[in-house]
Each structure stands twice: as C-alpha cells, then as structure tokens.
Amino acid sequence: MATKTIMLNCAAGMSTSLLVKKMQEAAKAQGKDYEIFACPASEADNKLANQEINCVLLGPQVGYMKADFEKKLEGTGIPMGVIPMQDYGMMNGKKVLEFADGLMAE
C-alpha cells in the first residue's frame, strides 16, 4: 500500500503533536504506512506547495478556517475535514485516523 500523508493543522501545534503520535500508533497497529504530521495553519500553504498531501485535518480550534482551506484545496482533490471535538479532546488517535480514512475513501 502506498504511503498516505495526513496533515493536521492547528493554532500552534502543541496538543496536535500529541494527537499525531496517537494516530501514528493506531496506523502502525493497523499495518498502515502513513506519514502523519502537524503544522500551524499559517504554514499550510508552504506544506501543500512542497509536499504530496492526501488528507488535511483541521483541529477544532481552527475549525473557523474551514472555508479558507476549502478555497486553498479547491481543484486539488485533497479531502479536508474538521476533527470532531470529542475525539480531539480525548486524543483518540484511532477515531481520528478512521475519520481521515473515511474522508480519503469518499
């Protein structure tokens, strides 16, 4: 299976980096070869321009930026969603990974 890259965008990246670790553990346990990383929303344009991204997730704290991201991603075919608050709050890496997989399957 080809590597999939999931980018999580947040305000500063502290709590999100913990979620990334949990998602990486869940992906590994499921035998998925995923690259998952977090970056501040302010760096998203740079990452999108220089890296192949398969899915973009927004932390609930930057959910208000959804429309901006929809514009950025228009025509790219890259799915994007806002991480459900409960899964984010519980740092449920497995659930957030399932959420990302669902977006990529659409």
PDB file of N, CA and C in Angstrom:
ATOM      1  N   MET A   1       0.853  -1.200   0.000  1.00  0.00           N
ATOM      2  CA  MET A   1       0.000   0.000   0.000  1.00  0.00           C
ATOM      3  C   MET A   1       0.887   1.248   0.000  1.00  0.00           C
ATOM      4  N   ALA A   2       0.507   2.176  -0.841  1.00  0.00           N
ATOM      5  CA  ALA A   2       1.292   3.410  -0.927  1.00  0.00           C
ATOM      6  C   ALA A   2       1.142   4.230   0.346  1.00  0.00           C
ATOM      7  N   THR A   3       2.187   4.954   0.657  1.00  0.00           N
ATOM      8  CA  THR A   3       2.159   5.826   1.818  1.00  0.00           C
ATOM      9  C   THR A   3       1.135   6.934   1.606  1.00  0.00           C
ATOM     10  N   LYS A   4       0.352   7.186   2.618  1.00  0.00           N
ATOM     11  CA  LYS A   4      -0.572   8.317   2.582  1.00  0.00           C
ATOM     12  C   LYS A   4      -0.052   9.348   3.578  1.00  0.00           C
ATOM     13  N   THR A   5      -0.224  10.609   3.237  1.00  0.00           N
ATOM     14  CA  THR A   5       0.244  11.676   4.105  1.00  0.00           C
ATOM     15  C   THR A   5      -0.951  12.470   4.607  1.00  0.00           C
ATOM     16  N   ILE A   6      -1.050  12.571   5.918  1.00  0.00           N
ATOM     17  CA  ILE A   6      -2.136  13.308   6.558  1.00  0.00           C
ATOM     18  C   ILE A   6      -1.530  14.498   7.285  1.00  0.00           C
ATOM     19  N   MET A   7      -2.041  15.684   6.973  1.00  0.00           N
ATOM     20  CA  MET A   7      -1.553  16.906   7.612  1.00  0.00           C
ATOM     21  C   MET A   7      -2.629  17.426   8.566  1.00  0.00           C
ATOM     22  N   LEU A   8      -2.256  17.594   9.823  1.00  0.00           N
ATOM     23  CA  LEU A   8      -3.149  18.191  10.808  1.00  0.00           C
ATOM     24  C   LEU A   8      -2.754  19.649  10.977  1.00  0.00           C
ATOM     25  N   ASN A   9      -3.727  20.522  10.920  1.00  0.00           N
ATOM     26  CA  ASN A   9      -3.457  21.949  11.097  1.00  0.00           C
ATOM     27  C   ASN A   9      -4.085  22.419  12.393  1.00  0.00           C
ATOM     28  N   CYS A  10      -3.337  23.259  13.083  1.00  0.00           N
ATOM     29  CA  CYS A  10      -3.795  23.716  14.384  1.00  0.00           C
ATOM     30  C   CYS A  10      -3.327  25.150  14.586  1.00  0.00           C
ATOM     31  N   ALA A  11      -3.538  25.650  15.769  1.00  0.00           N
ATOM     32  CA  ALA A  11      -3.131  27.020  16.072  1.00  0.00           C
ATOM     33  C   ALA A  11      -1.609  27.076  16.260  1.00  0.00           C
ATOM     34  N   ALA A  12      -1.090  26.320  17.225  1.00  0.00           N
ATOM     35  CA  ALA A  12       0.349  26.366  17.492  1.00  0.00           C
ATOM     36  C   ALA A  12       1.033  25.017  17.345  1.00  0.00           C
ATOM     37  N   GLY A  13       0.306  23.941  17.555  1.00  0.00           N
ATOM     38  CA  GLY A  13       0.897  22.622  17.318  1.00  0.00           C
ATOM     39  C   GLY A  13       1.237  21.798  18.535  1.00  0.00           C
ATOM     40  N   MET A  14       0.920  22.288  19.730  1.00  0.00           N
ATOM     41  CA  MET A  14       1.312  21.524  20.913  1.00  0.00           C
ATOM     42  C   MET A  14       0.426  20.297  21.138  1.00  0.00           C
ATOM     43  N   SER A  15      -0.859  20.508  21.359  1.00  0.00           N
ATOM     44  CA  SER A  15      -1.738  19.360  21.632  1.00  0.00           C
ATOM     45  C   SER A  15      -1.874  18.492  20.391  1.00  0.00           C
ATOM     46  N   THR A  16      -1.806  19.107  19.230  1.00  0.00           N
ATOM     47  CA  THR A  16      -1.972  18.347  17.993  1.00  0.00           C
ATOM     48  C   THR A  16      -0.822  17.372  17.782  1.00  0.00           C
ATOM     49  N   SER A  17       0.387  17.738  18.223  1.00  0.00           N
ATOM     50  CA  SER A  17       1.512  16.818  18.046  1.00  0.00           C
ATOM     51  C   SER A  17       1.312  15.558  18.890  1.00  0.00           C
ATOM     52  N   LEU A  18       0.635  15.684  20.013  1.00  0.00           N
ATOM     53  CA  LEU A  18       0.314  14.505  20.828  1.00  0.00           C
ATOM     54  C   LEU A  18      -0.688  13.620  20.083  1.00  0.00           C
ATOM     55  N   LEU A  19      -1.671  14.245  19.456  1.00  0.00           N
ATOM     56  CA  LEU A  19      -2.665  13.502  18.679  1.00  0.00           C
ATOM     57  C   LEU A  19      -1.999  12.798  17.493  1.00  0.00           C
ATOM     58  N   VAL A  20      -1.049  13.462  16.857  1.00  0.00           N
ATOM     59  CA  VAL A  20      -0.314  12.856  15.736  1.00  0.00           C
ATOM     60  C   VAL A  20       0.353  11.566  16.197  1.00  0.00           C
ATOM     61  N   LYS A  21       0.991  11.613  17.366  1.00  0.00           N
ATOM     62  CA  LYS A  21       1.673  10.424  17.908  1.00  0.00           C
ATOM     63  C   LYS A  21       0.677   9.277  18.097  1.00  0.00           C
ATOM     64  N   LYS A  22      -0.494   9.610  18.638  1.00  0.00           N
ATOM     65  CA  LYS A  22      -1.532   8.587  18.861  1.00  0.00           C
ATOM     66  C   LYS A  22      -2.047   8.028  17.527  1.00  0.00           C
ATOM     67  N   MET A  23      -2.185   8.903  16.526  1.00  0.00           N
ATOM     68  CA  MET A  23      -2.630   8.454  15.208  1.00  0.00           C
ATOM     69  C   MET A  23      -1.582   7.565  14.545  1.00  0.00           C
ATOM     70  N   GLN A  24      -0.308   7.917  14.720  1.00  0.00           N
ATOM     71  CA  GLN A  24       0.772   7.103  14.147  1.00  0.00           C
ATOM     72  C   GLN A  24       0.776   5.715  14.775  1.00  0.00           C
ATOM     73  N   GLU A  25       0.544   5.662  16.090  1.00  0.00           N
ATOM     74  CA  GLU A  25       0.490   4.363  16.782  1.00  0.00           C
ATOM     75  C   GLU A  25      -0.671   3.533  16.247  1.00  0.00           C
ATOM     76  N   ALA A  26      -1.831   4.182  16.043  1.00  0.00           N
ATOM     77  CA  ALA A  26      -3.012   3.476  15.535  1.00  0.00           C
ATOM     78  C   ALA A  26      -2.772   2.972  14.112  1.00  0.00           C
ATOM     79  N   ALA A  27      -2.152   3.810  13.277  1.00  0.00           N
ATOM     80  CA  ALA A  27      -1.872   3.416  11.886  1.00  0.00           C
ATOM     81  C   ALA A  27      -0.916   2.219  11.861  1.00  0.00           C
ATOM     82  N   LYS A  28       0.105   2.283  12.705  1.00  0.00           N
ATOM     83  CA  LYS A  28       1.096   1.204  12.763  1.00  0.00           C
ATOM     84  C   LYS A  28       0.429  -0.101  13.209  1.00  0.00           C
ATOM     85  N   ALA A  29      -0.441  -0.006  14.216  1.00  0.00           N
ATOM     86  CA  ALA A  29      -1.148  -1.182  14.723  1.00  0.00           C
ATOM     87  C   ALA A  29      -2.034  -1.802  13.641  1.00  0.00           C
ATOM     88  N   GLN A  30      -2.520  -0.950  12.715  1.00  0.00           N
ATOM     89  CA  GLN A  30      -3.378  -1.439  11.623  1.00  0.00           C
ATOM     90  C   GLN A  30      -2.566  -1.793  10.377  1.00  0.00           C
ATOM     91  N   GLY A  31      -1.246  -1.683  10.468  1.00  0.00           N
ATOM     92  CA  GLY A  31      -0.387  -2.022   9.347  1.00  0.00           C
ATOM     93  C   GLY A  31      -0.436  -1.015   8.210  1.00  0.00           C
ATOM     94  N   LYS A  32      -0.802   0.230   8.526  1.00  0.00           N
ATOM     95  CA  LYS A  32      -0.888   1.267   7.501  1.00  0.00           C
ATOM     96  C   LYS A  32       0.393   2.081   7.465  1.00  0.00           C
ATOM     97  N   ASP A  33       0.875   2.331   6.255  1.00  0.00           N
ATOM     98  CA  ASP A  33       2.105   3.100   6.070  1.00  0.00           C
ATOM     99  C   ASP A  33       1.726   4.561   5.838  1.00  0.00           C
ATOM    100  N   TYR A  34       1.460   5.278   6.921  1.00  0.00           N
ATOM    101  CA  TYR A  34       1.024   6.661   6.822  1.00  0.00           C
ATOM    102  C   TYR A  34       2.085   7.593   7.385  1.00  0.00           C
ATOM    103  N   GLU A  35       2.204   8.733   6.742  1.00  0.00           N
ATOM    104  CA  GLU A  35       3.009   9.802   7.316  1.00  0.00           C
ATOM    105  C   GLU A  35       2.001  10.812   7.856  1.00  0.00           C
ATOM    106  N   ILE A  36       2.082  11.089   9.138  1.00  0.00           N
ATOM    107  CA  ILE A  36       1.124  11.994   9.778  1.00  0.00           C
ATOM    108  C   ILE A  36       1.928  13.071  10.489  1.00  0.00           C
ATOM    109  N   PHE A  37       1.594  14.322  10.218  1.00  0.00           N
ATOM    110  CA  PHE A  37       2.318  15.403  10.878  1.00  0.00           C
ATOM    111  C   PHE A  37       1.385  16.563  11.166  1.00  0.00           C
ATOM    112  N   ALA A  38       1.808  17.395  12.104  1.00  0.00           N
ATOM    113  CA  ALA A  38       1.031  18.584  12.471  1.00  0.00           C
ATOM    114  C   ALA A  38       1.827  19.819  12.087  1.00  0.00           C
ATOM    115  N   CYS A  39       1.111  20.859  11.694  1.00  0.00           N
ATOM    116  CA  CYS A  39       1.772  22.138  11.463  1.00  0.00           C
ATOM    117  C   CYS A  39       0.790  23.258  11.764  1.00  0.00           C
ATOM    118  N   PRO A  40       1.311  24.411  12.144  1.00  0.00           N
ATOM    119  CA  PRO A  40       0.421  25.553  12.357  1.00  0.00           C
ATOM    120  C   PRO A  40      -0.287  25.891  11.048  1.00  0.00           C
ATOM    121  N   ALA A  41      -1.532  26.311  11.134  1.00  0.00           N
ATOM    122  CA  ALA A  41      -2.304  26.643   9.939  1.00  0.00           C
ATOM    123  C   ALA A  41      -1.569  27.655   9.066  1.00  0.00           C
ATOM    124  N   SER A  42      -0.768  28.513   9.692  1.00  0.00           N
ATOM    125  CA  SER A  42      -0.026  29.538   8.954  1.00  0.00           C
ATOM    126  C   SER A  42       1.027  28.947   8.006  1.00  0.00           C
ATOM    127  N   GLU A  43       1.429  27.685   8.256  1.00  0.00           N
ATOM    128  CA  GLU A  43       2.436  27.037   7.405  1.00  0.00           C
ATOM    129  C   GLU A  43       1.823  26.099   6.367  1.00  0.00           C
ATOM    130  N   ALA A  44       0.493  25.998   6.359  1.00  0.00           N
ATOM    131  CA  ALA A  44      -0.178  25.030   5.491  1.00  0.00           C
ATOM    132  C   ALA A  44       0.116  25.261   4.010  1.00  0.00           C
ATOM    133  N   ASP A  45       0.088  26.521   3.572  1.00  0.00           N
ATOM    134  CA  ASP A  45       0.322  26.815   2.150  1.00  0.00           C
ATOM    135  C   ASP A  45       1.669  26.270   1.697  1.00  0.00           C
ATOM    136  N   ASN A  46       2.691  26.502   2.506  1.00  0.00           N
ATOM    137  CA  ASN A  46       4.037  26.037   2.203  1.00  0.00           C
ATOM    138  C   ASN A  46       4.069  24.511   2.104  1.00  0.00           C
ATOM    139  N   LYS A  47       3.453  23.840   3.063  1.00  0.00           N
ATOM    140  CA  LYS A  47       3.442  22.368   3.072  1.00  0.00           C
ATOM    141  C   LYS A  47       2.699  21.836   1.850  1.00  0.00           C
ATOM    142  N   LEU A  48       1.542  22.445   1.538  1.00  0.00           N
ATOM    143  CA  LEU A  48       0.751  21.985   0.394  1.00  0.00           C
ATOM    144  C   LEU A  48       1.510  22.181  -0.920  1.00  0.00           C
ATOM    145  N   ALA A  49       2.306  23.240  -0.999  1.00  0.00           N
ATOM    146  CA  ALA A  49       3.057  23.530  -2.221  1.00  0.00           C
ATOM    147  C   ALA A  49       4.246  22.585  -2.404  1.00  0.00           C
ATOM    148  N   ASN A  50       4.798  22.098  -1.295  1.00  0.00           N
ATOM    149  CA  ASN A  50       6.049  21.355  -1.370  1.00  0.00           C
ATOM    150  C   ASN A  50       5.966  19.878  -1.002  1.00  0.00           C
ATOM    151  N   GLN A  51       4.778  19.411  -0.662  1.00  0.00           N
ATOM    152  CA  GLN A  51       4.645  18.025  -0.231  1.00  0.00           C
ATOM    153  C   GLN A  51       3.377  17.435  -0.824  1.00  0.00           C
ATOM    154  N   GLU A  52       3.397  16.124  -1.057  1.00  0.00           N
ATOM    155  CA  GLU A  52       2.176  15.485  -1.521  1.00  0.00           C
ATOM    156  C   GLU A  52       1.339  15.140  -0.296  1.00  0.00           C
ATOM    157  N   ILE A  53       0.194  15.787  -0.175  1.00  0.00           N
ATOM    158  CA  ILE A  53      -0.694  15.581   0.980  1.00  0.00           C
ATOM    159  C   ILE A  53      -1.942  14.852   0.485  1.00  0.00           C
ATOM    160  N   ASN A  54      -2.355  13.805   1.218  1.00  0.00           N
ATOM    161  CA  ASN A  54      -3.542  13.046   0.825  1.00  0.00           C
ATOM    162  C   ASN A  54      -4.788  13.444   1.593  1.00  0.00           C
ATOM    163  N   CYS A  55      -4.601  14.084   2.750  1.00  0.00           N
ATOM    164  CA  CYS A  55      -5.746  14.462   3.571  1.00  0.00           C
ATOM    165  C   CYS A  55      -5.329  15.609   4.492  1.00  0.00           C
ATOM    166  N   VAL A  56      -6.221  16.581   4.641  1.00  0.00           N
ATOM    167  CA  VAL A  56      -5.957  17.715   5.522  1.00  0.00           C
ATOM    168  C   VAL A  56      -7.000  17.703   6.633  1.00  0.00           C
ATOM    169  N   LEU A  57      -6.535  17.716   7.865  1.00  0.00           N
ATOM    170  CA  LEU A  57      -7.436  17.776   9.016  1.00  0.00           C
ATOM    171  C   LEU A  57      -7.196  19.083   9.758  1.00  0.00           C
ATOM    172  N   LEU A  58      -8.285  19.685  10.199  1.00  0.00           N
ATOM    173  CA  LEU A  58      -8.181  20.906  10.993  1.00  0.00           C
ATOM    174  C   LEU A  58      -8.543  20.581  12.431  1.00  0.00           C
ATOM    175  N   GLY A  59      -7.734  21.068  13.366  1.00  0.00           N
ATOM    176  CA  GLY A  59      -8.081  20.932  14.777  1.00  0.00           C
ATOM    177  C   GLY A  59      -9.329  21.765  15.041  1.00  0.00           C
ATOM    178  N   PRO A  60     -10.143  21.359  16.029  1.00  0.00           N
ATOM    179  CA  PRO A  60     -11.382  22.104  16.315  1.00  0.00           C
ATOM    180  C   PRO A  60     -11.128  23.585  16.586  1.00  0.00           C
ATOM    181  N   GLN A  61      -9.958  23.902  17.161  1.00  0.00           N
ATOM    182  CA  GLN A  61      -9.659  25.300  17.499  1.00  0.00           C
ATOM    183  C   GLN A  61      -9.424  26.164  16.265  1.00  0.00           C
ATOM    184  N   VAL A  62      -9.195  25.556  15.104  1.00  0.00           N
ATOM    185  CA  VAL A  62      -9.058  26.328  13.863  1.00  0.00           C
ATOM    186  C   VAL A  62     -10.173  25.964  12.874  1.00  0.00           C
ATOM    187  N   GLY A  63     -11.234  25.377  13.392  1.00  0.00           N
ATOM    188  CA  GLY A  63     -12.373  24.995  12.552  1.00  0.00           C
ATOM    189  C   GLY A  63     -12.966  26.179  11.804  1.00  0.00           C
ATOM    190  N   TYR A  64     -12.815  27.365  12.391  1.00  0.00           N
ATOM    191  CA  TYR A  64     -13.333  28.581  11.746  1.00  0.00           C
ATOM    192  C   TYR A  64     -12.611  28.867  10.425  1.00  0.00           C
ATOM    193  N   MET A  65     -11.467  28.212  10.188  1.00  0.00           N
ATOM    194  CA  MET A  65     -10.698  28.423   8.955  1.00  0.00           C
ATOM    195  C   MET A  65     -11.117  27.468   7.840  1.00  0.00           C
ATOM    196  N   LYS A  66     -12.164  26.685   8.082  1.00  0.00           N
ATOM    197  CA  LYS A  66     -12.579  25.667   7.116  1.00  0.00           C
ATOM    198  C   LYS A  66     -12.793  26.246   5.715  1.00  0.00           C
ATOM    199  N   ALA A  67     -13.483  27.371   5.617  1.00  0.00           N
ATOM    200  CA  ALA A  67     -13.759  27.980   4.306  1.00  0.00           C
ATOM    201  C   ALA A  67     -12.467  28.382   3.595  1.00  0.00           C
ATOM    202  N   ASP A  68     -11.500  28.923   4.366  1.00  0.00           N
ATOM    203  CA  ASP A  68     -10.199  29.283   3.788  1.00  0.00           C
ATOM    204  C   ASP A  68      -9.510  28.054   3.201  1.00  0.00           C
ATOM    205  N   PHE A  69      -9.558  26.953   3.961  1.00  0.00           N
ATOM    206  CA  PHE A  69      -8.913  25.721   3.496  1.00  0.00           C
ATOM    207  C   PHE A  69      -9.640  25.140   2.293  1.00  0.00           C
ATOM    208  N   GLU A  70     -10.976  25.249   2.286  1.00  0.00           N
ATOM    209  CA  GLU A  70     -11.729  24.756   1.132  1.00  0.00           C
ATOM    210  C   GLU A  70     -11.290  25.499  -0.128  1.00  0.00           C
ATOM    211  N   LYS A  71     -11.052  26.809  -0.002  1.00  0.00           N
ATOM    212  CA  LYS A  71     -10.571  27.604  -1.146  1.00  0.00           C
ATOM    213  C   LYS A  71      -9.178  27.152  -1.568  1.00  0.00           C
ATOM    214  N   LYS A  72      -8.293  26.984  -0.575  1.00  0.00           N
ATOM    215  CA  LYS A  72      -6.914  26.560  -0.853  1.00  0.00           C
ATOM    216  C   LYS A  72      -6.884  25.230  -1.602  1.00  0.00           C
ATOM    217  N   LEU A  73      -7.772  24.327  -1.180  1.00  0.00           N
ATOM    218  CA  LEU A  73      -7.740  22.950  -1.700  1.00  0.00           C
ATOM    219  C   LEU A  73      -8.622  22.756  -2.935  1.00  0.00           C
ATOM    220  N   GLU A  74      -9.329  23.799  -3.335  1.00  0.00           N
ATOM    221  CA  GLU A  74     -10.226  23.706  -4.479  1.00  0.00           C
ATOM    222  C   GLU A  74      -9.486  23.189  -5.709  1.00  0.00           C
ATOM    223  N   GLY A  75     -10.046  22.167  -6.325  1.00  0.00           N
ATOM    224  CA  GLY A  75      -9.449  21.618  -7.541  1.00  0.00           C
ATOM    225  C   GLY A  75      -8.278  20.675  -7.308  1.00  0.00           C
ATOM    226  N   THR A  76      -7.892  20.459  -6.061  1.00  0.00           N
ATOM    227  CA  THR A  76      -6.741  19.578  -5.785  1.00  0.00           C
ATOM    228  C   THR A  76      -7.185  18.134  -5.577  1.00  0.00           C
ATOM    229  N   GLY A  77      -8.453  17.966  -5.210  1.00  0.00           N
ATOM    230  CA  GLY A  77      -8.928  16.620  -4.905  1.00  0.00           C
ATOM    231  C   GLY A  77      -8.520  16.140  -3.523  1.00  0.00           C
ATOM    232  N   ILE A  78      -7.897  17.018  -2.741  1.00  0.00           N
ATOM    233  CA  ILE A  78      -7.456  16.635  -1.388  1.00  0.00           C
ATOM    234  C   ILE A  78      -8.643  16.807  -0.435  1.00  0.00           C
ATOM    235  N   PRO A  79      -9.062  15.711   0.231  1.00  0.00           N
ATOM    236  CA  PRO A  79     -10.168  15.836   1.183  1.00  0.00           C
ATOM    237  C   PRO A  79      -9.735  16.570   2.448  1.00  0.00           C
ATOM    238  N   MET A  80     -10.701  17.248   3.070  1.00  0.00           N
ATOM    239  CA  MET A  80     -10.406  18.039   4.262  1.00  0.00           C
ATOM    240  C   MET A  80     -11.590  17.956   5.208  1.00  0.00           C
ATOM    241  N   GLY A  81     -11.297  17.925   6.497  1.00  0.00           N
ATOM    242  CA  GLY A  81     -12.360  17.917   7.493  1.00  0.00           C
ATOM    243  C   GLY A  81     -11.871  18.491   8.803  1.00  0.00           C
ATOM    244  N   VAL A  82     -12.838  18.867   9.630  1.00  0.00           N
ATOM    245  CA  VAL A  82     -12.522  19.362  10.971  1.00  0.00           C
ATOM    246  C   VAL A  82     -12.634  18.176  11.929  1.00  0.00           C
ATOM    247  N   ILE A  83     -11.593  17.951  12.699  1.00  0.00           N
ATOM    248  CA  ILE A  83     -11.569  16.831  13.645  1.00  0.00           C
ATOM    249  C   ILE A  83     -12.705  17.016  14.661  1.00  0.00           C
ATOM    250  N   PRO A  84     -13.522  15.974  14.864  1.00  0.00           N
ATOM    251  CA  PRO A  84     -14.591  16.090  15.871  1.00  0.00           C
ATOM    252  C   PRO A  84     -14.021  16.440  17.247  1.00  0.00           C
ATOM    253  N   MET A  85     -14.637  17.424  17.875  1.00  0.00           N
ATOM    254  CA  MET A  85     -14.162  17.959  19.157  1.00  0.00           C
ATOM    255  C   MET A  85     -13.940  16.868  20.195  1.00  0.00           C
ATOM    256  N   GLN A  86     -14.878  15.923  20.284  1.00  0.00           N
ATOM    257  CA  GLN A  86     -14.764  14.880  21.306  1.00  0.00           C
ATOM    258  C   GLN A  86     -13.529  14.004  21.072  1.00  0.00           C
ATOM    259  N   ASP A  87     -13.305  13.597  19.823  1.00  0.00           N
ATOM    260  CA  ASP A  87     -12.145  12.745  19.517  1.00  0.00           C
ATOM    261  C   ASP A  87     -10.845  13.505  19.761  1.00  0.00           C
ATOM    262  N   TYR A  88     -10.866  14.800  19.435  1.00  0.00           N
ATOM    263  CA  TYR A  88      -9.677  15.634  19.652  1.00  0.00           C
ATOM    264  C   TYR A  88      -9.416  15.769  21.147  1.00  0.00           C
ATOM    265  N   GLY A  89     -10.460  16.088  21.888  1.00  0.00           N
ATOM    266  CA  GLY A  89     -10.337  16.282  23.333  1.00  0.00           C
ATOM    267  C   GLY A  89      -9.850  15.033  24.055  1.00  0.00           C
ATOM    268  N   MET A  90     -10.295  13.873  23.565  1.00  0.00           N
ATOM    269  CA  MET A  90      -9.907  12.598  24.180  1.00  0.00           C
ATOM    270  C   MET A  90      -8.570  12.097  23.613  1.00  0.00           C
ATOM    271  N   MET A  91      -8.020  12.846  22.628  1.00  0.00           N
ATOM    272  CA  MET A  91      -6.782  12.427  21.954  1.00  0.00           C
ATOM    273  C   MET A  91      -6.939  11.000  21.436  1.00  0.00           C
ATOM    274  N   ASN A  92      -8.101  10.734  20.818  1.00  0.00           N
ATOM    275  CA  ASN A  92      -8.405   9.398  20.315  1.00  0.00           C
ATOM    276  C   ASN A  92      -7.828   9.234  18.906  1.00  0.00           C
ATOM    277  N   GLY A  93      -6.569   8.839  18.852  1.00  0.00           N
ATOM    278  CA  GLY A  93      -5.864   8.699  17.584  1.00  0.00           C
ATOM    279  C   GLY A  93      -6.539   7.741  16.629  1.00  0.00           C
ATOM    280  N   LYS A  94      -7.080   6.638  17.174  1.00  0.00           N
ATOM    281  CA  LYS A  94      -7.731   5.628  16.340  1.00  0.00           C
ATOM    282  C   LYS A  94      -8.970   6.216  15.656  1.00  0.00           C
ATOM    283  N   LYS A  95      -9.784   6.940  16.412  1.00  0.00           N
ATOM    284  CA  LYS A  95     -11.009   7.546  15.865  1.00  0.00           C
ATOM    285  C   LYS A  95     -10.677   8.606  14.817  1.00  0.00           C
ATOM    286  N   VAL A  96      -9.677   9.429  15.090  1.00  0.00           N
ATOM    287  CA  VAL A  96      -9.309  10.490  14.150  1.00  0.00           C
ATOM    288  C   VAL A  96      -8.719   9.875  12.880  1.00  0.00           C
ATOM    289  N   LEU A  97      -7.981   8.772  13.032  1.00  0.00           N
ATOM    290  CA  LEU A  97      -7.450   8.057  11.867  1.00  0.00           C
ATOM    291  C   LEU A  97      -8.606   7.497  11.030  1.00  0.00           C
ATOM    292  N   GLU A  98      -9.617   6.938  11.695  1.00  0.00           N
ATOM    293  CA  GLU A  98     -10.803   6.433  10.981  1.00  0.00           C
ATOM    294  C   GLU A  98     -11.499   7.575  10.243  1.00  0.00           C
ATOM    295  N   PHE A  99     -11.575   8.739  10.888  1.00  0.00           N
ATOM    296  CA  PHE A  99     -12.181   9.931  10.288  1.00  0.00           C
ATOM    297  C   PHE A  99     -11.428  10.295   9.006  1.00  0.00           C
ATOM    298  N   ALA A 100     -10.092  10.323   9.084  1.00  0.00           N
ATOM    299  CA  ALA A 100      -9.250  10.653   7.920  1.00  0.00           C
ATOM    300  C   ALA A 100      -9.421   9.601   6.812  1.00  0.00           C
ATOM    301  N   ASP A 101      -9.433   8.337   7.194  1.00  0.00           N
ATOM    302  CA  ASP A 101      -9.618   7.257   6.215  1.00  0.00           C
ATOM    303  C   ASP A 101     -10.956   7.420   5.496  1.00  0.00           C
ATOM    304  N   GLY A 102     -11.985   7.785   6.263  1.00  0.00           N
ATOM    305  CA  GLY A 102     -13.308   7.997   5.681  1.00  0.00           C
ATOM    306  C   GLY A 102     -13.311   9.119   4.667  1.00  0.00           C
ATOM    307  N   LEU A 103     -12.613  10.222   5.003  1.00  0.00           N
ATOM    308  CA  LEU A 103     -12.511  11.349   4.072  1.00  0.00           C
ATOM    309  C   LEU A 103     -11.790  10.939   2.790  1.00  0.00           C
ATOM    310  N   MET A 104     -10.715  10.155   2.945  1.00  0.00           N
ATOM    311  CA  MET A 104      -9.918   9.762   1.775  1.00  0.00           C
ATOM    312  C   MET A 104     -10.653   8.740   0.914  1.00  0.00           C
ATOM    313  N   ALA A 105     -11.605   8.022   1.514  1.00  0.00           N
ATOM    314  CA  ALA A 105     -12.337   6.986   0.771  1.00  0.00           C
ATOM    315  C   ALA A 105     -13.475   7.564  -0.076  1.00  0.00           C
ATOM    316  N   GLU A 106     -13.883   8.800   0.256  1.00  0.00           N
ATOM    317  CA  GLU A 106     -15.027   9.404  -0.448  1.00  0.00           C
ATOM    318  C   GLU A 106     -14.725   9.671  -1.909  1.00  0.00           C
TER     319      GLU A 106
END
